Amino acid sequence: LRSNGLIYLCWSDNYCKSLESLAEESKSNPEDSAILEYYKHQLDLFSQMCLDRQFLAINPPLVENLLNLSQELTVNVILKCMSDTMLPYDLRASFARLMLHLHVATDLQPVMPVRYARLWKHIPDDVTVETWVGEFEIFHRILCYHFCI
């Protein structure tokens, strides 16, 4: 992201081109089209690497000298690319997927284990509608405490 608000792609020989001009020229230039397609697949790869909170891809330790995706592709950069109507829809969709896996679904969330077995002593001898509804309300309050906004 440069001061003029444009996103630039740069590759090894220090050649840079704005993402918008690359998208516009990809309609007539096969080389630009191939670069844009390559970049889309690279974004999809980054998204898959961050799937299921893979913290080595999202925010790796500094001692590893790995690419830090969350610092390179910040929320502002991804939002700008997602909202840019000059970019093709499939590229914008790749940015949206990356946003989801890199910045949105990254916090650890509590998991409530499923109880497959119950002890007989924990099962009441008689169950009435009133006791069942009361237990359901308690369970509902516990769930809301953890998951409701």
N, C-alpha and C. Protein backbone atom coordinates (compact mmCIF):
# COMPACT_ATOMS: atom_id res chain seq x y z
N LEU A 1 0.87 -1.17 0.00
CA LEU A 1 0.00 0.00 0.00
C LEU A 1 0.91 1.23 0.00
N ARG A 2 0.75 2.02 -0.99
CA ARG A 2 1.59 3.23 -1.08
C ARG A 2 0.77 4.44 -0.66
N SER A 3 1.46 5.58 -0.59
CA SER A 3 0.83 6.81 -0.11
C SER A 3 -0.32 7.26 -1.00
N ASN A 4 -0.31 6.86 -2.27
CA ASN A 4 -1.41 7.25 -3.16
C ASN A 4 -2.62 6.33 -3.01
N GLY A 5 -2.54 5.35 -2.10
CA GLY A 5 -3.67 4.48 -1.83
C GLY A 5 -3.78 3.28 -2.74
N LEU A 6 -2.81 3.08 -3.62
CA LEU A 6 -2.85 1.93 -4.54
C LEU A 6 -2.04 0.77 -3.97
N ILE A 7 -2.48 -0.43 -4.28
CA ILE A 7 -1.77 -1.65 -3.89
C ILE A 7 -0.85 -2.03 -5.05
N TYR A 8 0.41 -2.27 -4.75
CA TYR A 8 1.38 -2.63 -5.78
C TYR A 8 1.88 -4.05 -5.56
N LEU A 9 2.04 -4.78 -6.65
CA LEU A 9 2.70 -6.08 -6.64
C LEU A 9 4.11 -5.87 -7.15
N CYS A 10 5.08 -6.37 -6.40
CA CYS A 10 6.48 -6.26 -6.81
C CYS A 10 7.07 -7.66 -6.84
N TRP A 11 7.92 -7.92 -7.83
CA TRP A 11 8.58 -9.22 -7.89
C TRP A 11 10.08 -9.04 -7.98
N SER A 12 10.79 -10.14 -8.10
CA SER A 12 12.23 -10.22 -7.80
C SER A 12 13.11 -9.18 -8.48
N ASP A 13 12.84 -8.80 -9.69
CA ASP A 13 13.72 -7.83 -10.36
C ASP A 13 13.31 -6.39 -10.08
N ASN A 14 12.68 -6.17 -8.92
CA ASN A 14 12.26 -4.85 -8.45
C ASN A 14 11.29 -4.16 -9.41
N TYR A 15 10.56 -4.93 -10.15
CA TYR A 15 9.54 -4.38 -11.04
C TYR A 15 8.22 -4.36 -10.27
N CYS A 16 7.56 -3.24 -10.21
CA CYS A 16 6.30 -3.11 -9.48
C CYS A 16 5.21 -2.62 -10.43
N LYS A 17 4.01 -3.09 -10.15
CA LYS A 17 2.85 -2.67 -10.94
C LYS A 17 1.65 -2.64 -10.01
N SER A 18 0.81 -1.63 -10.16
CA SER A 18 -0.36 -1.55 -9.29
C SER A 18 -1.33 -2.67 -9.62
N LEU A 19 -2.02 -3.12 -8.61
CA LEU A 19 -2.96 -4.23 -8.78
C LEU A 19 -4.09 -3.85 -9.72
N GLU A 20 -4.54 -2.60 -9.64
CA GLU A 20 -5.61 -2.13 -10.53
C GLU A 20 -5.18 -2.12 -11.99
N SER A 21 -3.98 -1.60 -12.26
CA SER A 21 -3.53 -1.57 -13.65
C SER A 21 -3.24 -2.98 -14.16
N LEU A 22 -2.78 -3.85 -13.28
CA LEU A 22 -2.56 -5.25 -13.66
C LEU A 22 -3.89 -5.90 -14.04
N ALA A 23 -4.93 -5.62 -13.26
CA ALA A 23 -6.25 -6.19 -13.56
C ALA A 23 -6.81 -5.62 -14.86
N GLU A 24 -6.62 -4.33 -15.09
CA GLU A 24 -7.13 -3.71 -16.31
C GLU A 24 -6.40 -4.22 -17.55
N GLU A 25 -5.09 -4.33 -17.46
CA GLU A 25 -4.29 -4.75 -18.61
C GLU A 25 -4.33 -6.26 -18.83
N SER A 26 -4.81 -7.01 -17.83
CA SER A 26 -4.89 -8.47 -17.99
C SER A 26 -5.93 -8.87 -19.03
N LYS A 27 -6.84 -7.96 -19.36
CA LYS A 27 -7.86 -8.25 -20.37
C LYS A 27 -7.26 -8.36 -21.77
N SER A 28 -6.16 -7.62 -22.00
CA SER A 28 -5.56 -7.63 -23.33
C SER A 28 -4.14 -8.21 -23.35
N ASN A 29 -3.51 -8.30 -22.20
CA ASN A 29 -2.12 -8.76 -22.13
C ASN A 29 -2.07 -10.13 -21.45
N PRO A 30 -1.69 -11.20 -22.15
CA PRO A 30 -1.66 -12.53 -21.55
C PRO A 30 -0.65 -12.66 -20.40
N GLU A 31 0.44 -11.90 -20.45
CA GLU A 31 1.43 -11.97 -19.37
C GLU A 31 0.85 -11.40 -18.08
N ASP A 32 0.16 -10.27 -18.17
CA ASP A 32 -0.49 -9.69 -16.99
C ASP A 32 -1.59 -10.60 -16.48
N SER A 33 -2.30 -11.23 -17.38
CA SER A 33 -3.34 -12.17 -16.99
C SER A 33 -2.75 -13.35 -16.22
N ALA A 34 -1.60 -13.85 -16.68
CA ALA A 34 -0.93 -14.96 -15.99
C ALA A 34 -0.43 -14.54 -14.61
N ILE A 35 0.10 -13.32 -14.50
CA ILE A 35 0.58 -12.82 -13.21
C ILE A 35 -0.59 -12.68 -12.24
N LEU A 36 -1.70 -12.15 -12.71
CA LEU A 36 -2.88 -11.98 -11.86
C LEU A 36 -3.42 -13.34 -11.41
N GLU A 37 -3.45 -14.30 -12.32
CA GLU A 37 -3.91 -15.65 -11.98
C GLU A 37 -2.96 -16.29 -10.96
N TYR A 38 -1.67 -16.10 -11.14
CA TYR A 38 -0.67 -16.61 -10.19
C TYR A 38 -0.89 -15.99 -8.81
N TYR A 39 -1.12 -14.68 -8.77
CA TYR A 39 -1.34 -13.99 -7.50
C TYR A 39 -2.61 -14.49 -6.81
N LYS A 40 -3.65 -14.73 -7.59
CA LYS A 40 -4.89 -15.27 -7.02
C LYS A 40 -4.64 -16.63 -6.38
N HIS A 41 -3.90 -17.49 -7.07
CA HIS A 41 -3.58 -18.80 -6.51
C HIS A 41 -2.68 -18.69 -5.28
N GLN A 42 -1.81 -17.70 -5.28
CA GLN A 42 -0.95 -17.48 -4.11
C GLN A 42 -1.80 -17.06 -2.90
N LEU A 43 -2.78 -16.19 -3.12
CA LEU A 43 -3.68 -15.79 -2.04
C LEU A 43 -4.48 -16.99 -1.53
N ASP A 44 -4.93 -17.85 -2.46
CA ASP A 44 -5.66 -19.05 -2.05
C ASP A 44 -4.76 -19.98 -1.24
N LEU A 45 -3.49 -20.08 -1.62
CA LEU A 45 -2.54 -20.89 -0.86
C LEU A 45 -2.36 -20.32 0.54
N PHE A 46 -2.18 -19.01 0.65
CA PHE A 46 -2.05 -18.37 1.96
C PHE A 46 -3.29 -18.63 2.81
N SER A 47 -4.46 -18.56 2.19
CA SER A 47 -5.70 -18.81 2.90
C SER A 47 -5.76 -20.24 3.43
N GLN A 48 -5.36 -21.19 2.60
CA GLN A 48 -5.34 -22.60 3.03
C GLN A 48 -4.30 -22.82 4.13
N MET A 49 -3.18 -22.11 4.06
CA MET A 49 -2.16 -22.24 5.10
C MET A 49 -2.67 -21.75 6.45
N CYS A 50 -3.55 -20.76 6.45
CA CYS A 50 -4.07 -20.18 7.69
C CYS A 50 -5.33 -20.88 8.19
N LEU A 51 -5.82 -21.83 7.43
CA LEU A 51 -7.06 -22.53 7.79
C LEU A 51 -6.92 -23.21 9.14
N ASP A 52 -7.98 -23.21 9.93
CA ASP A 52 -8.02 -23.85 11.26
C ASP A 52 -6.96 -23.30 12.20
N ARG A 53 -6.74 -22.00 12.15
CA ARG A 53 -5.87 -21.30 13.09
C ARG A 53 -4.45 -21.84 13.13
N GLN A 54 -3.84 -22.00 11.97
CA GLN A 54 -2.45 -22.44 11.89
C GLN A 54 -1.55 -21.25 12.21
N PHE A 55 -1.14 -21.15 13.47
CA PHE A 55 -0.42 -19.96 13.91
C PHE A 55 0.98 -19.84 13.33
N LEU A 56 1.57 -20.93 12.84
CA LEU A 56 2.87 -20.81 12.18
C LEU A 56 2.76 -20.06 10.87
N ALA A 57 1.60 -20.09 10.26
CA ALA A 57 1.39 -19.32 9.03
C ALA A 57 0.88 -17.92 9.34
N ILE A 58 0.02 -17.80 10.34
CA ILE A 58 -0.60 -16.51 10.65
C ILE A 58 0.39 -15.56 11.30
N ASN A 59 1.06 -16.04 12.34
CA ASN A 59 1.97 -15.19 13.10
C ASN A 59 3.14 -16.03 13.58
N PRO A 60 4.11 -16.33 12.71
CA PRO A 60 5.20 -17.24 13.08
C PRO A 60 6.16 -16.60 14.08
N PRO A 61 6.90 -17.43 14.83
CA PRO A 61 7.90 -16.88 15.75
C PRO A 61 9.00 -16.15 14.97
N LEU A 62 9.55 -15.12 15.58
CA LEU A 62 10.56 -14.30 14.91
C LEU A 62 11.84 -15.08 14.61
N VAL A 63 12.16 -16.08 15.43
CA VAL A 63 13.42 -16.82 15.23
C VAL A 63 13.38 -17.69 13.98
N GLU A 64 12.21 -17.97 13.45
CA GLU A 64 12.09 -18.84 12.28
C GLU A 64 12.37 -18.12 10.96
N ASN A 65 12.36 -16.79 10.96
CA ASN A 65 12.55 -15.99 9.73
C ASN A 65 11.56 -16.38 8.63
N LEU A 66 10.32 -16.60 9.01
CA LEU A 66 9.27 -16.94 8.05
C LEU A 66 8.49 -15.68 7.70
N LEU A 67 7.81 -15.73 6.57
CA LEU A 67 6.96 -14.62 6.15
C LEU A 67 5.80 -14.48 7.13
N ASN A 68 5.64 -13.30 7.69
CA ASN A 68 4.54 -13.05 8.62
C ASN A 68 3.37 -12.50 7.82
N LEU A 69 2.41 -13.36 7.51
CA LEU A 69 1.29 -12.97 6.65
C LEU A 69 0.44 -11.88 7.28
N SER A 70 0.24 -11.94 8.60
CA SER A 70 -0.64 -10.95 9.23
C SER A 70 -0.03 -9.55 9.20
N GLN A 71 1.29 -9.44 9.10
CA GLN A 71 1.92 -8.12 8.99
C GLN A 71 2.04 -7.67 7.54
N GLU A 72 2.24 -8.61 6.64
CA GLU A 72 2.38 -8.27 5.22
C GLU A 72 1.02 -7.93 4.59
N LEU A 73 0.02 -8.73 4.91
CA LEU A 73 -1.33 -8.53 4.37
C LEU A 73 -2.24 -8.09 5.52
N THR A 74 -2.17 -6.82 5.85
CA THR A 74 -2.92 -6.29 6.98
C THR A 74 -4.41 -6.23 6.66
N VAL A 75 -5.19 -5.98 7.68
CA VAL A 75 -6.64 -5.87 7.51
C VAL A 75 -6.98 -4.75 6.53
N ASN A 76 -6.31 -3.62 6.65
CA ASN A 76 -6.60 -2.48 5.76
C ASN A 76 -6.29 -2.80 4.30
N VAL A 77 -5.19 -3.48 4.05
CA VAL A 77 -4.83 -3.83 2.67
C VAL A 77 -5.86 -4.80 2.09
N ILE A 78 -6.22 -5.81 2.87
CA ILE A 78 -7.18 -6.80 2.36
C ILE A 78 -8.55 -6.17 2.15
N LEU A 79 -8.99 -5.32 3.09
CA LEU A 79 -10.28 -4.64 2.92
C LEU A 79 -10.29 -3.76 1.68
N LYS A 80 -9.18 -3.06 1.45
CA LYS A 80 -9.11 -2.21 0.25
C LYS A 80 -9.25 -3.04 -1.01
N CYS A 81 -8.58 -4.19 -1.04
CA CYS A 81 -8.65 -5.05 -2.23
C CYS A 81 -10.02 -5.71 -2.37
N MET A 82 -10.64 -6.05 -1.25
CA MET A 82 -11.98 -6.66 -1.30
C MET A 82 -13.01 -5.67 -1.84
N SER A 83 -12.84 -4.41 -1.52
CA SER A 83 -13.84 -3.41 -1.91
C SER A 83 -13.53 -2.72 -3.24
N ASP A 84 -12.41 -3.05 -3.84
CA ASP A 84 -12.01 -2.41 -5.10
C ASP A 84 -12.80 -3.02 -6.26
N THR A 85 -13.69 -2.24 -6.85
CA THR A 85 -14.54 -2.74 -7.93
C THR A 85 -13.79 -2.91 -9.25
N MET A 86 -12.56 -2.40 -9.32
CA MET A 86 -11.76 -2.56 -10.54
C MET A 86 -11.15 -3.96 -10.64
N LEU A 87 -11.10 -4.68 -9.53
CA LEU A 87 -10.50 -6.02 -9.51
C LEU A 87 -11.54 -7.06 -9.90
N PRO A 88 -11.11 -8.16 -10.51
CA PRO A 88 -12.05 -9.23 -10.87
C PRO A 88 -12.67 -9.86 -9.62
N TYR A 89 -13.87 -10.41 -9.82
CA TYR A 89 -14.61 -10.98 -8.69
C TYR A 89 -13.87 -12.13 -8.03
N ASP A 90 -13.23 -12.99 -8.83
CA ASP A 90 -12.55 -14.14 -8.24
C ASP A 90 -11.34 -13.72 -7.41
N LEU A 91 -10.66 -12.64 -7.79
CA LEU A 91 -9.55 -12.13 -6.99
C LEU A 91 -10.07 -11.52 -5.70
N ARG A 92 -11.17 -10.80 -5.78
CA ARG A 92 -11.77 -10.22 -4.57
C ARG A 92 -12.27 -11.32 -3.64
N ALA A 93 -12.78 -12.42 -4.20
CA ALA A 93 -13.21 -13.56 -3.38
C ALA A 93 -12.01 -14.20 -2.69
N SER A 94 -10.88 -14.26 -3.37
CA SER A 94 -9.66 -14.80 -2.74
C SER A 94 -9.22 -13.92 -1.57
N PHE A 95 -9.33 -12.61 -1.74
CA PHE A 95 -9.01 -11.71 -0.63
C PHE A 95 -9.99 -11.90 0.53
N ALA A 96 -11.27 -12.11 0.22
CA ALA A 96 -12.26 -12.32 1.28
C ALA A 96 -11.97 -13.61 2.05
N ARG A 97 -11.61 -14.68 1.34
CA ARG A 97 -11.25 -15.94 2.00
C ARG A 97 -10.03 -15.75 2.90
N LEU A 98 -9.06 -15.02 2.39
CA LEU A 98 -7.85 -14.77 3.17
C LEU A 98 -8.18 -13.95 4.41
N MET A 99 -9.04 -12.97 4.28
CA MET A 99 -9.46 -12.17 5.44
C MET A 99 -10.07 -13.06 6.51
N LEU A 100 -10.93 -13.97 6.08
CA LEU A 100 -11.59 -14.87 7.02
C LEU A 100 -10.58 -15.72 7.77
N HIS A 101 -9.67 -16.35 7.06
CA HIS A 101 -8.76 -17.30 7.70
C HIS A 101 -7.56 -16.64 8.37
N LEU A 102 -7.17 -15.46 7.90
CA LEU A 102 -5.99 -14.80 8.45
C LEU A 102 -6.31 -13.87 9.61
N HIS A 103 -7.43 -13.15 9.54
CA HIS A 103 -7.70 -12.13 10.55
C HIS A 103 -8.98 -12.37 11.35
N VAL A 104 -9.97 -13.05 10.81
CA VAL A 104 -11.26 -13.17 11.51
C VAL A 104 -11.30 -14.40 12.40
N ALA A 105 -11.08 -15.56 11.84
CA ALA A 105 -11.22 -16.81 12.59
C ALA A 105 -9.89 -17.25 13.17
N THR A 106 -9.26 -16.38 13.98
CA THR A 106 -7.94 -16.72 14.50
C THR A 106 -7.91 -16.91 16.01
N ASP A 107 -8.87 -16.36 16.75
CA ASP A 107 -8.85 -16.50 18.20
C ASP A 107 -9.26 -17.90 18.60
N LEU A 108 -8.61 -18.40 19.64
CA LEU A 108 -9.00 -19.70 20.17
C LEU A 108 -10.38 -19.58 20.79
N GLN A 109 -11.20 -20.58 20.58
CA GLN A 109 -12.55 -20.57 21.10
C GLN A 109 -12.78 -21.82 21.92
N PRO A 110 -13.54 -21.68 23.02
CA PRO A 110 -13.76 -22.86 23.87
C PRO A 110 -14.57 -23.92 23.14
N VAL A 111 -14.18 -25.15 23.37
CA VAL A 111 -14.87 -26.27 22.76
C VAL A 111 -15.53 -27.07 23.88
N MET A 112 -16.82 -27.27 23.75
CA MET A 112 -17.52 -28.08 24.75
C MET A 112 -17.55 -29.52 24.25
N PRO A 113 -16.89 -30.42 24.98
CA PRO A 113 -16.85 -31.81 24.52
C PRO A 113 -18.23 -32.47 24.59
N VAL A 114 -18.45 -33.37 23.68
CA VAL A 114 -19.71 -34.11 23.64
C VAL A 114 -19.59 -35.26 24.63
N ARG A 115 -20.61 -35.41 25.45
CA ARG A 115 -20.62 -36.53 26.40
C ARG A 115 -21.31 -37.71 25.73
N TYR A 116 -20.52 -38.70 25.36
CA TYR A 116 -21.09 -39.87 24.71
C TYR A 116 -21.63 -40.87 25.73
N ALA A 117 -21.13 -40.81 26.93
CA ALA A 117 -21.58 -41.75 27.97
C ALA A 117 -21.96 -40.97 29.21
N ARG A 118 -22.94 -41.49 29.93
CA ARG A 118 -23.36 -40.88 31.18
C ARG A 118 -23.44 -41.96 32.24
N LEU A 119 -23.13 -41.59 33.45
CA LEU A 119 -23.25 -42.53 34.56
C LEU A 119 -24.71 -42.60 35.00
N TRP A 120 -25.13 -43.79 35.41
CA TRP A 120 -26.51 -43.97 35.83
C TRP A 120 -26.84 -43.08 37.02
N LYS A 121 -25.84 -42.83 37.90
CA LYS A 121 -26.14 -42.01 39.08
C LYS A 121 -26.41 -40.55 38.71
N HIS A 122 -26.00 -40.12 37.52
CA HIS A 122 -26.25 -38.74 37.08
C HIS A 122 -27.60 -38.58 36.38
N ILE A 123 -28.26 -39.69 36.11
CA ILE A 123 -29.56 -39.65 35.46
C ILE A 123 -30.63 -39.69 36.55
N PRO A 124 -31.52 -38.72 36.61
CA PRO A 124 -32.54 -38.71 37.67
C PRO A 124 -33.51 -39.88 37.51
N ASP A 125 -34.06 -40.29 38.66
CA ASP A 125 -35.01 -41.40 38.64
C ASP A 125 -36.31 -41.02 37.95
N ASP A 126 -36.76 -39.82 38.20
CA ASP A 126 -37.98 -39.37 37.53
C ASP A 126 -37.73 -38.00 36.90
N VAL A 127 -38.21 -37.86 35.70
CA VAL A 127 -38.03 -36.61 34.96
C VAL A 127 -39.41 -36.05 34.68
N THR A 128 -39.59 -34.81 35.06
CA THR A 128 -40.85 -34.12 34.76
C THR A 128 -40.54 -32.99 33.79
N VAL A 129 -41.58 -32.43 33.26
CA VAL A 129 -41.40 -31.32 32.33
C VAL A 129 -40.73 -30.15 33.05
N GLU A 130 -41.13 -29.90 34.29
CA GLU A 130 -40.58 -28.76 35.02
C GLU A 130 -39.08 -28.93 35.27
N THR A 131 -38.64 -30.12 35.67
CA THR A 131 -37.20 -30.31 35.92
C THR A 131 -36.41 -30.27 34.63
N TRP A 132 -36.97 -30.82 33.56
CA TRP A 132 -36.26 -30.82 32.28
C TRP A 132 -36.10 -29.39 31.76
N VAL A 133 -37.18 -28.59 31.86
CA VAL A 133 -37.13 -27.20 31.40
C VAL A 133 -36.13 -26.42 32.25
N GLY A 134 -36.10 -26.66 33.54
CA GLY A 134 -35.15 -25.97 34.42
C GLY A 134 -33.71 -26.29 34.05
N GLU A 135 -33.41 -27.56 33.79
CA GLU A 135 -32.06 -27.95 33.38
C GLU A 135 -31.71 -27.35 32.02
N PHE A 136 -32.69 -27.29 31.13
CA PHE A 136 -32.45 -26.70 29.81
C PHE A 136 -32.12 -25.22 29.94
N GLU A 137 -32.82 -24.51 30.82
CA GLU A 137 -32.55 -23.08 31.00
C GLU A 137 -31.16 -22.85 31.58
N ILE A 138 -30.74 -23.71 32.51
CA ILE A 138 -29.39 -23.59 33.06
C ILE A 138 -28.35 -23.82 31.97
N PHE A 139 -28.56 -24.86 31.17
CA PHE A 139 -27.65 -25.17 30.07
C PHE A 139 -27.62 -24.01 29.07
N HIS A 140 -28.78 -23.43 28.79
CA HIS A 140 -28.87 -22.31 27.85
C HIS A 140 -28.11 -21.10 28.38
N ARG A 141 -28.21 -20.82 29.69
CA ARG A 141 -27.47 -19.70 30.28
C ARG A 141 -25.96 -19.93 30.20
N ILE A 142 -25.53 -21.17 30.41
CA ILE A 142 -24.10 -21.49 30.32
C ILE A 142 -23.61 -21.26 28.90
N LEU A 143 -24.38 -21.71 27.91
CA LEU A 143 -23.99 -21.51 26.51
C LEU A 143 -23.95 -20.03 26.17
N CYS A 144 -24.95 -19.28 26.62
CA CYS A 144 -24.97 -17.84 26.32
C CYS A 144 -23.81 -17.12 26.98
N TYR A 145 -23.42 -17.57 28.17
CA TYR A 145 -22.29 -16.95 28.85
C TYR A 145 -21.02 -17.09 28.01
N HIS A 146 -20.85 -18.24 27.36
CA HIS A 146 -19.65 -18.49 26.57
C HIS A 146 -19.73 -17.95 25.15
N PHE A 147 -20.92 -18.00 24.53
CA PHE A 147 -20.99 -17.75 23.09
C PHE A 147 -21.85 -16.57 22.67
N CYS A 148 -22.79 -16.13 23.49
CA CYS A 148 -23.67 -15.03 23.07
C CYS A 148 -22.94 -13.70 23.20
N ILE A 149 -23.34 -12.79 22.37
CA ILE A 149 -22.72 -11.46 22.39
C ILE A 149 -23.39 -10.60 23.42
